[in-house]
C-alpha atoms as a PDB file:
ATOM      1  CA  MET A   1       8.924  37.060 -22.459  1.00  0.00           C
ATOM      2  CA  LYS A   2       5.819  35.137 -23.525  1.00  0.00           C
ATOM      3  CA  ASN A   3       7.986  32.514 -25.261  1.00  0.00           C
ATOM      4  CA  LEU A   4      10.164  32.107 -22.175  1.00  0.00           C
ATOM      5  CA  ILE A   5       7.108  31.439 -19.991  1.00  0.00           C
ATOM      6  CA  LEU A   6       5.753  28.922 -22.511  1.00  0.00           C
ATOM      7  CA  ALA A   7       9.142  27.172 -22.648  1.00  0.00           C
ATOM      8  CA  ILE A   8       9.298  26.885 -18.848  1.00  0.00           C
ATOM      9  CA  ILE A   9       5.740  25.535 -18.677  1.00  0.00           C
ATOM     10  CA  SER A  10       6.544  22.983 -21.402  1.00  0.00           C
ATOM     11  CA  VAL A  11       9.633  21.720 -19.581  1.00  0.00           C
ATOM     12  CA  LEU A  12       7.766  21.455 -16.272  1.00  0.00           C
ATOM     13  CA  SER A  13       4.892  19.635 -17.957  1.00  0.00           C
ATOM     14  CA  LEU A  14       7.225  17.090 -19.536  1.00  0.00           C
ATOM     15  CA  THR A  15       8.890  16.493 -16.177  1.00  0.00           C
ATOM     16  CA  ALA A  16       5.528  15.928 -14.511  1.00  0.00           C
ATOM     17  CA  PHE A  17       4.374  13.502 -17.230  1.00  0.00           C
ATOM     18  CA  GLY A  18       7.647  11.595 -17.005  1.00  0.00           C
ATOM     19  CA  GLN A  19       7.206  11.155 -13.264  1.00  0.00           C
ATOM     20  CA  ASP A  20       3.648   9.884 -13.671  1.00  0.00           C
ATOM     21  CA  LYS A  21       4.867   7.077 -15.901  1.00  0.00           C
ATOM     22  CA  LYS A  22       7.350   5.956 -13.246  1.00  0.00           C
ATOM     23  CA  THR A  23       4.805   5.764 -10.449  1.00  0.00           C
ATOM     24  CA  ILE A  24       1.948   4.195 -12.399  1.00  0.00           C
ATOM     25  CA  THR A  25       3.430   0.957 -13.649  1.00  0.00           C
ATOM     26  CA  THR A  26       1.495  -1.876 -15.146  1.00  0.00           C
ATOM     27  CA  GLU A  27       3.431  -5.105 -15.064  1.00  0.00           C
ATOM     28  CA  LYS A  28       2.911  -8.160 -17.213  1.00  0.00           C
ATOM     29  CA  ILE A  29       1.896 -10.783 -14.726  1.00  0.00           C
ATOM     30  CA  PRO A  30       2.282 -14.561 -14.951  1.00  0.00           C
ATOM     31  CA  ILE A  31      -0.845 -16.452 -15.984  1.00  0.00           C
ATOM     32  CA  GLU A  32      -0.776 -18.255 -12.610  1.00  0.00           C
ATOM     33  CA  VAL A  33      -1.059 -14.928 -10.782  1.00  0.00           C
ATOM     34  CA  GLU A  34      -3.810 -13.681 -13.084  1.00  0.00           C
ATOM     35  CA  TYR A  35      -5.769 -16.924 -12.634  1.00  0.00           C
ATOM     36  CA  ALA A  36      -5.413 -16.863  -8.826  1.00  0.00           C
ATOM     37  CA  PHE A  37      -6.475 -13.211  -8.689  1.00  0.00           C
ATOM     38  CA  GLN A  38      -9.544 -13.729 -10.906  1.00  0.00           C
ATOM     39  CA  LYS A  39     -10.530 -16.778  -8.870  1.00  0.00           C
ATOM     40  CA  GLN A  40     -10.330 -14.753  -5.655  1.00  0.00           C
ATOM     41  CA  PHE A  41     -11.730 -11.490  -7.108  1.00  0.00           C
ATOM     42  CA  PRO A  42     -13.927 -12.296 -10.132  1.00  0.00           C
ATOM     43  CA  ASN A  43     -14.478  -9.494 -12.652  1.00  0.00           C
ATOM     44  CA  ILE A  44     -12.129  -7.090 -10.833  1.00  0.00           C
ATOM     45  CA  ILE A  45      -9.375  -5.292 -12.738  1.00  0.00           C
ATOM     46  CA  ALA A  46      -6.159  -4.474 -10.883  1.00  0.00           C
ATOM     47  CA  LYS A  47      -3.145  -2.282 -11.613  1.00  0.00           C
ATOM     48  CA  TRP A  48      -0.093  -4.475 -11.166  1.00  0.00           C
ATOM     49  CA  SER A  49       3.375  -3.752  -9.903  1.00  0.00           C
ATOM     50  CA  THR A  50       6.192  -5.839  -8.512  1.00  0.00           C
ATOM     51  CA  THR A  51       8.257  -5.693  -5.375  1.00  0.00           C
ATOM     52  CA  TYR A  52      10.998  -7.775  -3.814  1.00  0.00           C
ATOM     53  CA  GLU A  53      10.814  -9.006  -0.244  1.00  0.00           C
ATOM     54  CA  GLY A  54      12.825 -11.202   2.073  1.00  0.00           C
ATOM     55  CA  ASP A  55      16.085 -10.728   3.931  1.00  0.00           C
ATOM     56  CA  ASP A  56      18.040 -10.174   0.720  1.00  0.00           C
ATOM     57  CA  ASP A  57      15.154  -8.898  -1.422  1.00  0.00           C
ATOM     58  CA  GLU A  58      15.161 -12.255  -3.206  1.00  0.00           C
ATOM     59  CA  LEU A  59      11.393 -12.951  -3.224  1.00  0.00           C
ATOM     60  CA  LEU A  60       9.480 -11.502  -6.164  1.00  0.00           C
ATOM     61  CA  VAL A  61       5.920 -10.490  -5.257  1.00  0.00           C
ATOM     62  CA  PHE A  62       3.204  -9.254  -7.626  1.00  0.00           C
ATOM     63  CA  VAL A  63       0.923  -6.576  -6.150  1.00  0.00           C
ATOM     64  CA  GLY A  64      -2.495  -5.942  -7.685  1.00  0.00           C
ATOM     65  CA  LYS A  65      -4.130  -2.704  -6.539  1.00  0.00           C
ATOM     66  CA  PHE A  66      -7.876  -2.308  -6.976  1.00  0.00           C
ATOM     67  CA  GLU A  67     -10.988  -0.791  -5.396  1.00  0.00           C
ATOM     68  CA  ILE A  68     -14.209  -2.423  -4.268  1.00  0.00           C
ATOM     69  CA  ASN A  69     -16.987  -0.046  -3.158  1.00  0.00           C
ATOM     70  CA  SER A  70     -14.436   2.824  -3.053  1.00  0.00           C
ATOM     71  CA  ILE A  71     -12.213   0.885  -0.626  1.00  0.00           C
ATOM     72  CA  LYS A  72      -8.589   0.520  -1.714  1.00  0.00           C
ATOM     73  CA  ASN A  73      -7.109  -2.971  -1.685  1.00  0.00           C
ATOM     74  CA  ALA A  74      -3.802  -4.587  -2.598  1.00  0.00           C
ATOM     75  CA  ALA A  75      -3.622  -8.328  -3.255  1.00  0.00           C
ATOM     76  CA  MET A  76      -0.152  -9.883  -3.221  1.00  0.00           C
ATOM     77  CA  TYR A  77       0.904 -13.095  -4.947  1.00  0.00           C
ATOM     78  CA  PHE A  78       4.075 -15.065  -5.520  1.00  0.00           C
ATOM     79  CA  PRO A  79       5.020 -15.762  -9.183  1.00  0.00           C
ATOM     80  CA  ASP A  80       3.508 -19.284  -9.015  1.00  0.00           C
ATOM     81  CA  GLY A  81       0.099 -17.767  -8.168  1.00  0.00           C
ATOM     82  CA  GLN A  82       0.239 -18.563  -4.462  1.00  0.00           C
ATOM     83  CA  PHE A  83      -1.658 -15.947  -2.464  1.00  0.00           C
ATOM     84  CA  LYS A  84       0.563 -13.988  -0.063  1.00  0.00           C
ATOM     85  CA  ALA A  85      -1.686 -11.342   1.527  1.00  0.00           C
ATOM     86  CA  LEU A  86      -4.524  -8.859   1.118  1.00  0.00           C
ATOM     87  CA  GLU A  87      -4.189  -5.310   2.426  1.00  0.00           C
ATOM     88  CA  THR A  88      -7.375  -3.263   2.804  1.00  0.00           C
ATOM     89  CA  SER A  89      -7.457   0.434   3.626  1.00  0.00           C
ATOM     90  CA  LEU A  90      -9.384   1.539   6.692  1.00  0.00           C
ATOM     91  CA  VAL A  91     -10.629   4.787   8.119  1.00  0.00           C
ATOM     92  CA  LYS A  92      -9.542   5.622  11.661  1.00  0.00           C
ATOM     93  CA  SER A  93     -12.899   4.599  13.158  1.00  0.00           C
ATOM     94  CA  GLU A  94     -12.516   1.080  11.682  1.00  0.00           C
ATOM     95  CA  LEU A  95      -9.354   0.412  13.676  1.00  0.00           C
ATOM     96  CA  PRO A  96      -9.793  -1.703  16.824  1.00  0.00           C
ATOM     97  CA  ILE A  97     -10.618   0.443  19.872  1.00  0.00           C
ATOM     98  CA  ILE A  98      -7.384  -0.620  21.582  1.00  0.00           C
ATOM     99  CA  VAL A  99      -5.366   0.698  18.598  1.00  0.00           C
ATOM    100  CA  GLN A 100      -7.257   3.991  18.639  1.00  0.00           C
ATOM    101  CA  LYS A 101      -6.627   4.294  22.393  1.00  0.00           C
ATOM    102  CA  TYR A 102      -2.909   3.538  21.948  1.00  0.00           C
ATOM    103  CA  MET A 103      -2.618   6.212  19.280  1.00  0.00           C
ATOM    104  CA  LYS A 104      -4.403   8.828  21.447  1.00  0.00           C
ATOM    105  CA  GLU A 105      -2.189   8.062  24.449  1.00  0.00           C
ATOM    106  CA  ASN A 106       1.164   7.764  22.661  1.00  0.00           C
ATOM    107  CA  TYR A 107       0.833   9.985  19.564  1.00  0.00           C
ATOM    108  CA  PRO A 108      -1.828  12.578  20.410  1.00  0.00           C
ATOM    109  CA  LYS A 109      -0.252  15.243  18.183  1.00  0.00           C
ATOM    110  CA  ASN A 110       0.297  12.965  15.168  1.00  0.00           C
ATOM    111  CA  ARG A 111      -2.614  12.771  12.754  1.00  0.00           C
ATOM    112  CA  ILE A 112      -3.250   9.328  11.251  1.00  0.00           C
ATOM    113  CA  THR A 113      -2.598   9.724   7.523  1.00  0.00           C
ATOM    114  CA  GLU A 114      -3.524   6.169   6.547  1.00  0.00           C
ATOM    115  CA  ALA A 115      -4.567   2.890   8.105  1.00  0.00           C
ATOM    116  CA  SER A 116      -4.886  -0.650   6.827  1.00  0.00           C
ATOM    117  CA  LYS A 117      -5.666  -4.229   7.761  1.00  0.00           C
ATOM    118  CA  THR A 118      -3.606  -7.027   6.243  1.00  0.00           C
ATOM    119  CA  ILE A 119      -4.580 -10.688   6.216  1.00  0.00           C
ATOM    120  CA  ASP A 120      -1.869 -13.084   5.047  1.00  0.00           C
ATOM    121  CA  ASN A 121      -2.131 -16.588   3.577  1.00  0.00           C
ATOM    122  CA  THR A 122      -2.193 -18.119   7.094  1.00  0.00           C
ATOM    123  CA  GLU A 123      -5.062 -15.750   8.035  1.00  0.00           C
ATOM    124  CA  LYS A 124      -2.774 -13.811  10.395  1.00  0.00           C
ATOM    125  CA  VAL A 125      -4.088 -10.247  10.778  1.00  0.00           C
ATOM    126  CA  ILE A 126      -2.063  -7.102  11.350  1.00  0.00           C
ATOM    127  CA  TYR A 127      -3.068  -3.459  11.441  1.00  0.00           C
ATOM    128  CA  GLU A 128      -0.837  -0.661  10.203  1.00  0.00           C
ATOM    129  CA  VAL A 129      -1.270   2.981  11.105  1.00  0.00           C
ATOM    130  CA  GLY A 130       0.646   5.627   9.165  1.00  0.00           C
ATOM    131  CA  ILE A 131       1.699   8.903  10.768  1.00  0.00           C
ATOM    132  CA  MET A 132       4.038  11.801  10.047  1.00  0.00           C
ATOM    133  CA  ARG A 133       6.570  12.520  12.783  1.00  0.00           C
ATOM    134  CA  ASP A 134       9.564  14.879  12.575  1.00  0.00           C
ATOM    135  CA  SER A 135       9.054  15.230   8.785  1.00  0.00           C
ATOM    136  CA  ALA A 136       9.253  11.448   8.294  1.00  0.00           C
ATOM    137  CA  PHE A 137       6.552   8.835   7.612  1.00  0.00           C
ATOM    138  CA  TYR A 138       6.154   5.932  10.030  1.00  0.00           C
ATOM    139  CA  ASP A 139       4.009   2.803  10.100  1.00  0.00           C
ATOM    140  CA  LEU A 140       2.973   1.564  13.519  1.00  0.00           C
ATOM    141  CA  VAL A 141       2.183  -2.140  13.392  1.00  0.00           C
ATOM    142  CA  PHE A 142      -0.338  -3.885  15.670  1.00  0.00           C
ATOM    143  CA  ASP A 143      -1.392  -7.532  15.977  1.00  0.00           C
ATOM    144  CA  ALA A 144      -4.952  -8.820  15.509  1.00  0.00           C
ATOM    145  CA  ASP A 145      -5.767  -8.020  19.158  1.00  0.00           C
ATOM    146  CA  GLY A 146      -4.545  -4.437  18.775  1.00  0.00           C
ATOM    147  CA  ASN A 147      -1.288  -4.889  20.682  1.00  0.00           C
ATOM    148  CA  PHE A 148       1.587  -2.692  19.489  1.00  0.00           C
ATOM    149  CA  ILE A 149       4.346  -4.668  17.711  1.00  0.00           C
ATOM    150  CA  GLN A 150       6.741  -2.172  16.153  1.00  0.00           C
ATOM    151  CA  MET A 151       7.258   1.184  14.484  1.00  0.00           C
ATOM    152  CA  LEU A 152       8.878   1.308  11.022  1.00  0.00           C
ATOM    153  CA  GLN A 153      10.167   4.367   9.209  1.00  0.00           C
ATOM    154  CA  LYS A 154       9.115   4.368   5.553  1.00  0.00           C
ATOM    155  CA  ASP A 155      10.561   6.172   2.561  1.00  0.00           C
END
């Protein structure tokens, strides 16, 4: 009986470790991206991953995740080192008042699970508010003035 329990624990542990390696990926990044990141964020170390964007998922984007003063950030760059955007996590109270009001009026029963502010390479600002609704995760997107733009279901 003792051996059976140890065997089950071993299998479960291996499964858990295997999943960790899939979610925490460190990508080799082009020197142009590394240079641009260090120029923008000197002496900061990021964990890198890649994603594809665009209508046909044809645009490769490098995402560097890092923290400054316990605030989570994600800097995004194209392979040539061109800056794409910076996403910074926020607490609910840091959202514009108009966004907070919209959420209270339209989603009073849905707790905000995450919030962020993104500034792209043209200095366009958007706010994203994450909620759970009907067992699914959604991002509500707002413009710089706090006006609702759209709601996107996420995986």
